[in-house]
Amino acid sequence: MMHRMLIIDDDPIVLESCKKIFISEGFDVTMTQNPNEGLGWVSERTFDIILCDWRMPGFDGMDVVEEIGQRSPDSSIIMISAHPSVGRATEAMKRGAMDYVTKPFTPEEITVAVQKALKRKISDEKKVFTRFERLIKTVQFPIPSIEDNSPKTIAETVASKIGVGKVTSPALTVSVLGILAGAYIGFGGMFSTTVTFDLAAKAGIGITKLLAGATFSLGLILVVIAGAELFTGNNLMISSVMTREITITNMLKRWILVYIANFIGSILVAWLFYASGLWKTSDAALGIAAVNIACKKVLLPFNEALIRGIGCNWLVCLAVWMALASRQTIGKIFAIFFPITGFVAIGFEHCIANMYFIPTGIFLKNQPQVMLSYISQWEALGWGSFLWNNLFPVTIGNIIGGVVFVGMSYWGAYLRPVAGK
């Protein structure tokens, strides 16, 4: 192995002599009369040995030695000087030099000093390696678990950490994350409609519903992976109420705040879809499909909308629940994908998604390109029918689905106090 050496000395005779000596010893030698240049090389390359003069024009070798020690702590530094002094030698050692050689020196003297420094360097490296080996043998390094969380662990986490964290988070933070969640669900709805608006005639209703669900899952994936506050997922906070970690009043306040924020985010994306003109795709067929989707939702009977809301959030909260089981992002995505695909394909109703779908239809129903396909049922589409015929019953159903069939069910299975304990 060829050792690297750097020589910094303003005397060209010393430089040439040392170069001749150490090249014959098998060293890769770099030399300079300029301390600044030497420090630059120290920053760029690794040197095993550095020979540095004490006195150079405009420089104190002591300062150079100290700077080298900071830039290249693994290099062995030997100070060379024509003005020997015990105090100076001691000071050089304090600042990082390993040895001190007096000028003029013989080839044997400088060679012995360099060989001694190299042996000491190798010995120190062996000691460090030995200590590291012992440390490896004696210390048990914790290996992060890649196993998924069990249902009981999820129940405990939801009740003791997640619910409490949502209540104690600043209102502004929750509001911003709520707006983002509404927007993310809106993006899922936009993606779903855009992909499937003309598919039924070619692939059939079943395939169209399946693909609509698969694409809509983007919304909850964004909520969970990117991080946002979704009203329907927050129904799981009931677990924290049941374990008395939070009060029902605090939970309801957070629900209301997130619900309003979700509405703002959903309406924002609905307006973006309208204002962008994307609905004009395929001679406004995309816009017509969006209006038809909205119309069908507001024409649902109250009891059907409520029941469809229950089924929807049962699956949505299970998607969130299973995402908490996974420790890896890809696992979370798969946990979300299938329940969300299922609820959309089945035809269940999600209140936050409908905050996007129905306002989109309201924005578009009177556009001239869309009115060419006008049908009488569109008369039912308005803000009043949106709020009363759909949003109200679907929200109640979503709360029942998430609170009763997921939050309270798993509380009863794993967290309910046992008599006598």
Protein backbone atom coordinates (compact mmCIF):
# COMPACT_ATOMS: atom_id res chain seq x y z
CA MET A 1 0.00 0.00 0.00
CA MET A 2 1.45 3.39 -1.03
CA HIS A 3 1.25 6.03 1.73
CA ARG A 4 0.44 9.61 0.84
CA MET A 5 2.63 12.42 2.16
CA LEU A 6 2.20 16.20 2.03
CA ILE A 7 5.20 18.49 2.73
CA ILE A 8 4.62 22.19 3.51
CA ASP A 9 7.88 24.19 3.76
CA ASP A 10 9.05 27.50 2.32
CA ASP A 11 12.58 26.13 1.81
CA PRO A 12 12.86 24.49 -1.64
CA ILE A 13 16.00 22.55 -0.58
CA VAL A 14 14.08 20.86 2.26
CA LEU A 15 11.21 20.11 -0.11
CA GLU A 16 13.43 18.47 -2.72
CA SER A 17 15.44 16.54 -0.13
CA CYS A 18 12.33 15.13 1.55
CA LYS A 19 10.76 14.34 -1.80
CA LYS A 20 13.84 12.38 -2.87
CA ILE A 21 14.01 10.50 0.44
CA PHE A 22 10.36 9.47 0.61
CA ILE A 23 9.78 8.69 -3.05
CA SER A 24 12.56 6.14 -2.69
CA GLU A 25 10.70 4.80 0.38
CA GLY A 26 7.58 4.24 -1.74
CA PHE A 27 5.56 7.31 -0.70
CA ASP A 28 3.25 9.31 -2.96
CA VAL A 29 4.64 12.79 -2.24
CA THR A 30 2.90 16.14 -2.73
CA MET A 31 4.77 19.31 -1.76
CA THR A 32 4.18 23.05 -1.64
CA GLN A 33 5.84 26.25 -0.37
CA ASN A 34 2.43 27.89 0.10
CA PRO A 35 0.60 27.03 3.36
CA ASN A 36 -2.74 28.12 1.83
CA GLU A 37 -2.28 25.71 -1.05
CA GLY A 38 -1.33 22.98 1.40
CA LEU A 39 -4.51 23.53 3.42
CA GLY A 40 -6.50 23.35 0.21
CA TRP A 41 -5.01 19.97 -0.64
CA VAL A 42 -5.72 18.72 2.88
CA SER A 43 -9.40 19.55 2.32
CA GLU A 44 -9.50 17.74 -1.03
CA ARG A 45 -7.29 14.67 -0.40
CA THR A 46 -6.42 12.30 2.42
CA PHE A 47 -2.74 12.20 3.54
CA ASP A 48 -1.22 9.66 5.89
CA ILE A 49 1.73 11.90 6.83
CA ILE A 50 2.05 15.68 6.73
CA LEU A 51 5.41 17.41 7.28
CA CYS A 52 4.93 21.07 8.19
CA ASP A 53 7.50 23.82 8.78
CA TRP A 54 7.22 25.97 11.90
CA ARG A 55 8.08 29.33 10.38
CA MET A 56 6.92 30.43 6.93
CA PRO A 57 6.48 33.97 5.54
CA GLY A 58 3.20 35.37 6.82
CA PHE A 59 2.27 32.12 8.59
CA ASP A 60 2.76 30.56 11.97
CA GLY A 61 3.21 26.84 11.46
CA MET A 62 1.41 26.21 14.75
CA ASP A 63 -1.79 27.66 13.31
CA VAL A 64 -1.35 25.60 10.15
CA VAL A 65 -0.95 22.45 12.23
CA GLU A 66 -4.10 23.22 14.19
CA GLU A 67 -6.06 23.87 10.99
CA ILE A 68 -4.79 20.62 9.45
CA GLY A 69 -5.88 18.76 12.58
CA GLN A 70 -9.42 20.08 12.11
CA ARG A 71 -9.59 19.40 8.37
CA SER A 72 -7.89 16.00 8.37
CA PRO A 73 -7.95 14.50 11.88
CA ASP A 74 -6.74 11.11 10.59
CA SER A 75 -3.45 12.49 9.24
CA SER A 76 -0.23 12.17 11.28
CA ILE A 77 1.49 15.57 11.49
CA ILE A 78 5.25 16.00 12.02
CA MET A 79 6.54 19.52 12.77
CA ILE A 80 9.96 20.47 11.38
CA SER A 81 11.85 23.55 12.60
CA ALA A 82 15.26 25.21 12.47
CA HIS A 83 14.54 26.87 15.84
CA PRO A 84 14.15 24.07 18.39
CA SER A 85 12.43 24.81 21.69
CA VAL A 86 10.99 22.49 24.33
CA GLY A 87 8.04 24.85 24.85
CA ARG A 88 7.46 25.06 21.12
CA ALA A 89 7.58 21.28 20.75
CA THR A 90 5.09 20.89 23.60
CA GLU A 91 2.77 23.44 22.04
CA ALA A 92 3.00 21.63 18.68
CA MET A 93 1.96 18.36 20.35
CA LYS A 94 -1.01 20.07 22.03
CA ARG A 95 -2.20 21.41 18.68
CA GLY A 96 -2.16 18.01 17.00
CA ALA A 97 1.41 17.24 15.90
CA MET A 98 2.55 13.67 16.51
CA ASP A 99 6.31 14.45 16.47
CA TYR A 100 8.80 17.33 16.25
CA VAL A 101 12.02 17.14 14.14
CA THR A 102 14.81 19.75 14.24
CA LYS A 103 16.53 21.12 11.12
CA PRO A 104 18.98 20.26 9.77
CA PHE A 105 18.06 16.57 9.92
CA THR A 106 19.61 13.53 8.29
CA PRO A 107 17.64 11.24 5.98
CA GLU A 108 17.74 8.62 8.75
CA GLU A 109 16.28 11.02 11.38
CA ILE A 110 13.35 12.16 9.27
CA THR A 111 12.70 8.60 8.04
CA VAL A 112 12.66 7.23 11.60
CA ALA A 113 10.24 9.99 12.68
CA VAL A 114 7.89 9.24 9.76
CA GLN A 115 8.02 5.46 10.28
CA LYS A 116 7.33 5.91 13.99
CA ALA A 117 4.36 8.14 13.22
CA LEU A 118 2.98 5.60 10.74
CA LYS A 119 3.31 2.74 13.26
CA ARG A 120 1.57 4.79 15.93
CA LYS A 121 -1.20 5.68 13.43
CA ILE A 122 -1.72 2.03 12.48
CA SER A 123 -1.68 1.03 16.16
CA ASP A 124 -4.30 3.68 17.01
CA GLU A 125 -6.49 2.52 14.13
CA LYS A 126 -6.25 -1.08 15.35
CA LYS A 127 -7.23 0.00 18.86
CA VAL A 128 -10.24 1.87 17.53
CA PHE A 129 -11.24 -1.12 15.42
CA THR A 130 -10.82 -3.48 18.37
CA ARG A 131 -12.96 -1.24 20.59
CA PHE A 132 -15.59 -1.09 17.84
CA GLU A 133 -15.51 -4.90 17.49
CA ARG A 134 -16.07 -5.30 21.23
CA LEU A 135 -18.89 -2.78 21.11
CA ILE A 136 -20.58 -4.69 18.28
CA LYS A 137 -20.35 -7.92 20.30
CA THR A 138 -21.64 -6.46 23.56
CA VAL A 139 -24.27 -3.98 22.40
CA GLN A 140 -27.59 -5.22 21.09
CA PHE A 141 -28.62 -2.82 18.33
CA PRO A 142 -32.41 -2.59 18.06
CA ILE A 143 -33.63 -3.70 14.64
CA PRO A 144 -36.80 -1.89 13.58
CA SER A 145 -39.66 -4.31 13.29
CA ILE A 146 -41.21 -4.77 9.87
CA GLU A 147 -44.08 -6.84 11.23
CA ASP A 148 -47.53 -5.29 10.91
CA ASN A 149 -49.40 -4.10 13.98
CA SER A 150 -52.03 -6.43 15.38
CA PRO A 151 -55.71 -5.36 15.60
CA LYS A 152 -55.35 -5.00 19.39
CA THR A 153 -52.31 -2.74 18.96
CA ILE A 154 -54.20 -0.62 16.44
CA ALA A 155 -57.13 -0.28 18.84
CA GLU A 156 -54.81 0.85 21.64
CA THR A 157 -52.99 3.30 19.32
CA VAL A 158 -56.21 4.84 18.01
CA ALA A 159 -57.61 5.29 21.52
CA SER A 160 -54.54 6.48 23.41
CA LYS A 161 -52.55 8.38 20.77
CA ILE A 162 -54.37 9.24 17.56
CA GLY A 163 -57.62 10.47 19.06
CA VAL A 164 -55.79 12.45 21.75
CA GLY A 165 -53.40 13.92 19.17
CA LYS A 166 -56.26 15.14 16.99
CA VAL A 167 -57.96 16.91 19.91
CA THR A 168 -54.77 18.55 21.17
CA SER A 169 -53.49 19.73 17.76
CA PRO A 170 -53.76 23.51 17.12
CA ALA A 171 -57.04 24.52 15.49
CA LEU A 172 -55.24 26.26 12.60
CA THR A 173 -53.23 23.12 11.84
CA VAL A 174 -56.37 20.99 11.88
CA SER A 175 -58.18 23.50 9.63
CA VAL A 176 -55.42 23.49 7.02
CA LEU A 177 -55.19 19.69 7.06
CA GLY A 178 -58.99 19.50 6.83
CA ILE A 179 -59.04 21.69 3.71
CA LEU A 180 -56.33 19.51 2.19
CA ALA A 181 -58.31 16.34 2.93
CA GLY A 182 -61.41 17.76 1.22
CA ALA A 183 -59.28 18.68 -1.79
CA TYR A 184 -57.63 15.24 -1.90
CA ILE A 185 -61.01 13.48 -1.89
CA GLY A 186 -62.10 15.91 -4.61
CA PHE A 187 -59.08 14.93 -6.70
CA GLY A 188 -60.08 11.28 -6.27
CA GLY A 189 -63.58 12.10 -7.47
CA MET A 190 -62.28 14.09 -10.43
CA PHE A 191 -59.91 11.26 -11.38
CA SER A 192 -62.68 8.68 -11.14
CA THR A 193 -65.16 10.62 -13.28
CA THR A 194 -62.55 11.51 -15.90
CA VAL A 195 -61.46 7.89 -16.38
CA THR A 196 -64.95 6.32 -16.48
CA PHE A 197 -67.31 8.91 -18.02
CA ASP A 198 -67.55 7.09 -21.39
CA LEU A 199 -66.52 3.59 -20.33
CA ALA A 200 -69.87 1.91 -19.60
CA ALA A 201 -70.88 1.61 -23.28
CA LYS A 202 -67.62 -0.15 -24.08
CA ALA A 203 -66.80 -2.21 -20.96
CA GLY A 204 -70.13 -2.58 -19.15
CA ILE A 205 -71.41 -1.28 -15.83
CA GLY A 206 -69.47 -3.70 -13.59
CA ILE A 207 -66.05 -2.92 -15.02
CA THR A 208 -66.86 0.78 -15.02
CA LYS A 209 -67.75 0.70 -11.31
CA LEU A 210 -64.64 -1.31 -10.50
CA LEU A 211 -62.38 1.16 -12.30
CA ALA A 212 -64.23 4.10 -10.73
CA GLY A 213 -63.47 2.68 -7.29
CA ALA A 214 -59.85 1.93 -8.11
CA THR A 215 -59.21 5.48 -9.31
CA PHE A 216 -61.20 7.10 -6.51
CA SER A 217 -58.93 5.39 -3.94
CA LEU A 218 -56.36 8.07 -4.85
CA GLY A 219 -58.24 10.42 -2.51
CA LEU A 220 -57.80 8.43 0.71
CA ILE A 221 -54.27 7.38 -0.26
CA LEU A 222 -53.36 11.08 -0.40
CA VAL A 223 -55.10 11.73 2.92
CA VAL A 224 -53.29 8.93 4.76
CA ILE A 225 -49.86 9.00 3.12
CA ALA A 226 -49.48 12.76 2.57
CA GLY A 227 -51.24 13.54 5.84
CA ALA A 228 -54.60 15.32 6.22
CA GLU A 229 -57.69 15.44 8.47
CA LEU A 230 -60.76 13.68 7.04
CA PHE A 231 -64.10 13.84 8.88
CA THR A 232 -65.11 10.26 8.11
CA GLY A 233 -61.77 8.86 9.29
CA ASN A 234 -61.99 11.00 12.42
CA ASN A 235 -65.11 9.08 13.42
CA LEU A 236 -62.62 6.59 14.91
CA MET A 237 -61.96 9.15 17.66
CA ILE A 238 -64.92 7.56 19.46
CA SER A 239 -62.41 4.99 20.77
CA SER A 240 -60.65 7.74 22.75
CA VAL A 241 -64.00 8.87 24.16
CA MET A 242 -64.89 5.30 25.20
CA THR A 243 -61.54 4.92 27.00
CA ARG A 244 -62.01 8.38 28.59
CA GLU A 245 -58.86 9.78 27.01
CA ILE A 246 -60.87 12.70 25.57
CA THR A 247 -64.35 14.10 26.17
CA ILE A 248 -67.24 13.77 23.74
CA THR A 249 -67.50 17.58 23.65
CA ASN A 250 -63.91 17.95 22.46
CA MET A 251 -64.44 15.23 19.89
CA LEU A 252 -67.56 16.91 18.48
CA LYS A 253 -65.78 20.27 18.27
CA ARG A 254 -63.01 18.67 16.22
CA TRP A 255 -65.54 16.86 14.03
CA ILE A 256 -67.34 20.12 13.23
CA LEU A 257 -64.09 21.97 12.47
CA VAL A 258 -62.82 19.21 10.17
CA TYR A 259 -66.23 18.82 8.48
CA ILE A 260 -66.33 22.51 7.58
CA ALA A 261 -62.68 22.45 6.42
CA ASN A 262 -63.36 19.36 4.28
CA PHE A 263 -66.31 21.19 2.69
CA ILE A 264 -64.09 24.15 1.78
CA GLY A 265 -61.43 21.90 0.23
CA SER A 266 -63.98 19.88 -1.75
CA ILE A 267 -65.77 22.96 -3.09
CA LEU A 268 -62.39 24.44 -4.05
CA VAL A 269 -61.53 21.44 -6.24
CA ALA A 270 -65.06 21.38 -7.70
CA TRP A 271 -64.63 25.02 -8.69
CA LEU A 272 -61.17 24.31 -10.15
CA PHE A 273 -62.68 21.56 -12.31
CA TYR A 274 -65.40 23.95 -13.46
CA ALA A 275 -63.09 26.94 -14.04
CA SER A 276 -60.42 24.87 -15.82
CA GLY A 277 -62.79 23.87 -18.61
CA LEU A 278 -61.76 20.24 -18.27
CA TRP A 279 -65.45 19.30 -18.19
CA LYS A 280 -65.59 20.21 -21.91
CA THR A 281 -63.67 17.01 -22.72
CA SER A 282 -65.24 15.01 -25.58
CA ASP A 283 -67.78 17.73 -26.51
CA ALA A 284 -68.67 18.25 -22.82
CA ALA A 285 -69.49 14.56 -22.33
CA LEU A 286 -67.37 14.64 -19.17
CA GLY A 287 -69.38 17.59 -17.83
CA ILE A 288 -72.67 15.86 -18.67
CA ALA A 289 -71.49 12.73 -16.83
CA ALA A 290 -70.61 14.87 -13.79
CA VAL A 291 -74.09 16.43 -13.76
CA ASN A 292 -75.75 13.01 -14.07
CA ILE A 293 -73.72 11.66 -11.14
CA ALA A 294 -74.76 14.63 -8.99
CA CYS A 295 -78.40 14.32 -10.02
CA LYS A 296 -78.59 10.62 -9.14
CA LYS A 297 -77.19 11.37 -5.69
CA VAL A 298 -79.76 14.05 -4.79
CA LEU A 299 -82.61 11.85 -6.08
CA LEU A 300 -81.82 9.06 -3.62
CA PRO A 301 -84.56 8.46 -1.04
CA PHE A 302 -83.53 9.62 2.46
CA ASN A 303 -83.39 6.13 3.95
CA GLU A 304 -81.36 4.72 1.06
CA ALA A 305 -78.85 7.56 1.28
CA LEU A 306 -78.50 6.95 5.03
CA ILE A 307 -77.95 3.17 4.64
CA ARG A 308 -75.46 3.72 1.83
CA GLY A 309 -73.63 6.15 4.13
CA ILE A 310 -73.36 3.46 6.82
CA GLY A 311 -71.83 0.93 4.43
CA CYS A 312 -69.46 3.52 3.02
CA ASN A 313 -67.82 4.63 6.24
CA TRP A 314 -67.71 1.12 7.62
CA LEU A 315 -65.33 0.38 4.73
CA VAL A 316 -63.54 3.75 4.81
CA CYS A 317 -62.74 3.43 8.52
CA LEU A 318 -61.59 -0.15 7.95
CA ALA A 319 -59.26 1.18 5.24
CA VAL A 320 -57.80 3.70 7.72
CA TRP A 321 -57.66 0.98 10.40
CA MET A 322 -55.75 -1.43 8.17
CA ALA A 323 -53.41 1.34 6.97
CA LEU A 324 -52.44 1.80 10.63
CA ALA A 325 -51.51 -1.89 10.70
CA SER A 326 -48.83 -1.48 8.05
CA ARG A 327 -45.40 -0.02 8.83
CA GLN A 328 -44.51 0.52 5.16
CA THR A 329 -46.01 2.93 2.61
CA ILE A 330 -46.77 0.25 0.02
CA GLY A 331 -48.62 -1.76 2.65
CA LYS A 332 -50.70 1.29 3.58
CA ILE A 333 -51.60 1.86 -0.07
CA PHE A 334 -52.83 -1.72 -0.52
CA ALA A 335 -54.74 -1.55 2.76
CA ILE A 336 -56.58 1.54 1.49
CA PHE A 337 -57.04 0.46 -2.13
CA PHE A 338 -59.36 -2.53 -1.76
CA PRO A 339 -61.92 -1.20 0.76
CA ILE A 340 -62.21 2.11 -1.12
CA THR A 341 -62.51 0.37 -4.48
CA GLY A 342 -65.19 -1.80 -2.89
CA PHE A 343 -67.33 0.99 -1.45
CA VAL A 344 -67.36 2.96 -4.71
CA ALA A 345 -68.03 -0.09 -6.90
CA ILE A 346 -70.86 -1.20 -4.60
CA GLY A 347 -72.47 2.25 -4.76
CA PHE A 348 -72.16 3.46 -1.15
CA GLU A 349 -72.24 7.19 -0.35
CA HIS A 350 -69.45 9.30 1.18
CA CYS A 351 -70.38 12.74 2.51
CA ILE A 352 -67.02 14.40 1.77
CA ALA A 353 -66.86 12.92 -1.73
CA ASN A 354 -70.38 14.24 -2.34
CA MET A 355 -69.18 17.71 -1.32
CA TYR A 356 -67.22 17.49 -4.57
CA PHE A 357 -69.55 15.50 -6.83
CA ILE A 358 -72.80 17.41 -6.23
CA PRO A 359 -71.46 21.01 -6.28
CA THR A 360 -69.63 20.09 -9.50
CA GLY A 361 -72.97 19.12 -11.04
CA ILE A 362 -74.59 22.31 -9.73
CA PHE A 363 -71.81 24.45 -11.25
CA LEU A 364 -72.17 22.73 -14.64
CA LYS A 365 -75.88 22.03 -15.16
CA ASN A 366 -76.64 25.41 -16.74
CA GLN A 367 -73.63 25.55 -19.04
CA PRO A 368 -74.72 25.81 -22.71
CA GLN A 369 -72.66 22.80 -23.84
CA VAL A 370 -74.13 20.68 -21.06
CA MET A 371 -77.72 21.94 -21.54
CA LEU A 372 -77.77 20.31 -24.98
CA SER A 373 -78.31 17.02 -23.13
CA TYR A 374 -80.78 18.45 -20.62
CA ILE A 375 -83.13 16.00 -18.86
CA SER A 376 -86.00 16.89 -16.56
CA GLN A 377 -84.43 15.20 -13.51
CA TRP A 378 -81.78 17.90 -13.45
CA GLU A 379 -84.41 20.26 -12.02
CA ALA A 380 -83.93 18.44 -8.70
CA LEU A 381 -80.28 19.43 -8.60
CA GLY A 382 -79.69 22.45 -6.35
CA TRP A 383 -78.07 23.54 -3.11
CA GLY A 384 -81.14 22.75 -1.02
CA SER A 385 -81.52 19.23 -2.38
CA PHE A 386 -77.78 18.72 -2.00
CA LEU A 387 -77.85 19.60 1.71
CA TRP A 388 -81.13 17.93 2.69
CA ASN A 389 -81.59 15.01 0.29
CA ASN A 390 -77.99 13.82 0.31
CA LEU A 391 -75.47 15.47 2.61
CA PHE A 392 -77.61 15.25 5.75
CA PRO A 393 -78.59 11.55 5.56
CA VAL A 394 -75.23 10.46 4.18
CA THR A 395 -73.36 12.26 6.98
CA ILE A 396 -75.55 10.55 9.61
CA GLY A 397 -74.95 7.20 7.93
CA ASN A 398 -71.19 7.79 7.73
CA ILE A 399 -71.09 8.59 11.45
CA ILE A 400 -72.98 5.40 12.30
CA GLY A 401 -70.77 3.30 10.03
CA GLY A 402 -67.51 4.63 11.43
CA VAL A 403 -68.49 5.06 15.08
CA VAL A 404 -70.60 1.95 15.68
CA PHE A 405 -69.27 -0.65 13.28
CA VAL A 406 -65.55 0.14 13.57
CA GLY A 407 -64.66 2.43 16.49
CA MET A 408 -67.04 1.01 19.09
CA SER A 409 -66.77 -2.56 17.77
CA TYR A 410 -63.01 -2.71 18.25
CA TRP A 411 -63.27 -0.91 21.56
CA GLY A 412 -65.68 -3.63 22.68
CA ALA A 413 -63.39 -6.37 21.38
CA TYR A 414 -60.08 -5.14 22.81
CA LEU A 415 -60.41 -2.13 25.13
CA ARG A 416 -63.64 -2.66 27.08
CA PRO A 417 -62.98 -2.90 30.83
CA VAL A 418 -63.27 -6.47 32.09
CA ALA A 419 -65.19 -7.00 35.33
CA GLY A 420 -62.92 -7.80 38.27
CA LYS A 421 -59.79 -6.40 36.64
